[in-house]
Amino acid sequence: MILLDTDHTTFLKYPDSERGRRMIDRLNAGSASEVIGVGHCHGRGTDARLAGRNRQGEIGPLRQVVGYRELALLFEFYEEF
């Protein structure tokens, strides 16, 4: 099993960078049956920030929609791997 920290997943967003290429090469070097996991703190942190700010009235509906859209895109990104 390979467990990726959210810092590692950031490298995957930039596949043309040196760190992105190394990360992708490392993941591709594993066996097809190897499980790849991602720590949940990134998504939970984004969700918690949005919920907390919304309770305090700090973000309007449009910014909240944008924030949750970014969270959805994060999960879509993870599905690719």
Protein backbone atom coordinates (compact mmCIF):
# COMPACT_ATOMS: atom_id res chain seq x y z
CA MET A 1 0.00 0.00 0.00
CA ILE A 2 1.14 3.51 -0.82
CA LEU A 3 -0.32 6.24 1.38
CA LEU A 4 0.03 9.76 0.02
CA ASP A 5 0.02 12.87 2.12
CA THR A 6 -1.84 15.86 0.69
CA ASP A 7 1.53 17.48 -0.06
CA HIS A 8 2.32 14.53 -2.32
CA THR A 9 -0.97 14.82 -4.16
CA THR A 10 -0.12 18.43 -4.98
CA PHE A 11 2.84 17.14 -6.99
CA LEU A 12 0.43 15.10 -9.10
CA LYS A 13 -1.33 18.29 -10.17
CA TYR A 14 1.91 19.38 -11.87
CA PRO A 15 3.00 16.33 -13.89
CA ASP A 16 5.53 18.35 -15.89
CA SER A 17 7.47 19.40 -12.79
CA GLU A 18 10.41 17.33 -11.54
CA ARG A 19 8.60 16.31 -8.37
CA GLY A 20 5.43 15.53 -10.31
CA ARG A 21 7.32 13.27 -12.72
CA ARG A 22 9.10 11.48 -9.87
CA MET A 23 5.82 10.91 -8.04
CA ILE A 24 4.10 9.58 -11.14
CA ASP A 25 7.08 7.34 -11.92
CA ARG A 26 7.00 5.96 -8.38
CA LEU A 27 3.29 5.25 -8.56
CA ASN A 28 3.65 3.61 -11.98
CA ALA A 29 6.51 1.43 -10.67
CA GLY A 30 4.19 -0.28 -8.22
CA SER A 31 2.26 -3.41 -9.07
CA ALA A 32 -1.19 -3.10 -10.58
CA SER A 33 -2.69 -4.65 -7.45
CA GLU A 34 -1.01 -2.17 -5.10
CA VAL A 35 -3.49 0.07 -3.28
CA ILE A 36 -2.92 3.82 -3.28
CA GLY A 37 -4.53 5.83 -0.51
CA VAL A 38 -4.75 9.54 0.22
CA GLY A 39 -4.97 11.14 3.63
CA HIS A 40 -8.38 12.66 4.22
CA CYS A 41 -7.23 15.86 5.87
CA HIS A 42 -7.20 17.97 2.69
CA GLY A 43 -10.87 17.50 1.87
CA ARG A 44 -11.96 17.62 5.48
CA GLY A 45 -9.97 20.80 6.04
CA THR A 46 -11.58 22.53 3.08
CA ASP A 47 -15.02 21.41 4.18
CA ALA A 48 -14.40 22.53 7.77
CA ARG A 49 -13.16 25.95 6.67
CA LEU A 50 -16.22 26.49 4.50
CA ALA A 51 -18.64 25.34 7.19
CA GLY A 52 -16.95 27.39 9.91
CA ARG A 53 -16.83 30.56 7.89
CA ASN A 54 -20.40 30.12 6.76
CA ARG A 55 -21.63 29.75 10.37
CA GLN A 56 -19.85 32.98 11.20
CA GLY A 57 -21.37 34.72 8.20
CA GLU A 58 -17.96 35.37 6.66
CA ILE A 59 -18.66 33.97 3.21
CA GLY A 60 -21.59 34.61 0.98
CA PRO A 61 -23.50 31.98 -1.00
CA LEU A 62 -21.46 32.48 -4.19
CA ARG A 63 -18.12 31.99 -2.45
CA GLN A 64 -19.53 28.95 -0.69
CA VAL A 65 -20.62 27.43 -4.01
CA VAL A 66 -17.17 28.10 -5.46
CA GLY A 67 -15.50 26.52 -2.42
CA TYR A 68 -17.60 23.37 -2.61
CA ARG A 69 -16.99 23.19 -6.37
CA GLU A 70 -13.25 23.21 -5.65
CA LEU A 71 -13.80 20.42 -3.14
CA ALA A 72 -15.72 18.41 -5.75
CA LEU A 73 -12.90 18.96 -8.26
CA LEU A 74 -10.43 17.67 -5.69
CA PHE A 75 -12.38 14.43 -5.37
CA GLU A 76 -12.61 14.13 -9.16
CA PHE A 77 -8.86 14.59 -9.35
CA TYR A 78 -8.32 11.79 -6.81
CA GLU A 79 -10.60 9.47 -8.80
CA GLU A 80 -8.12 9.60 -11.70
CA PHE A 81 -5.56 7.83 -9.56
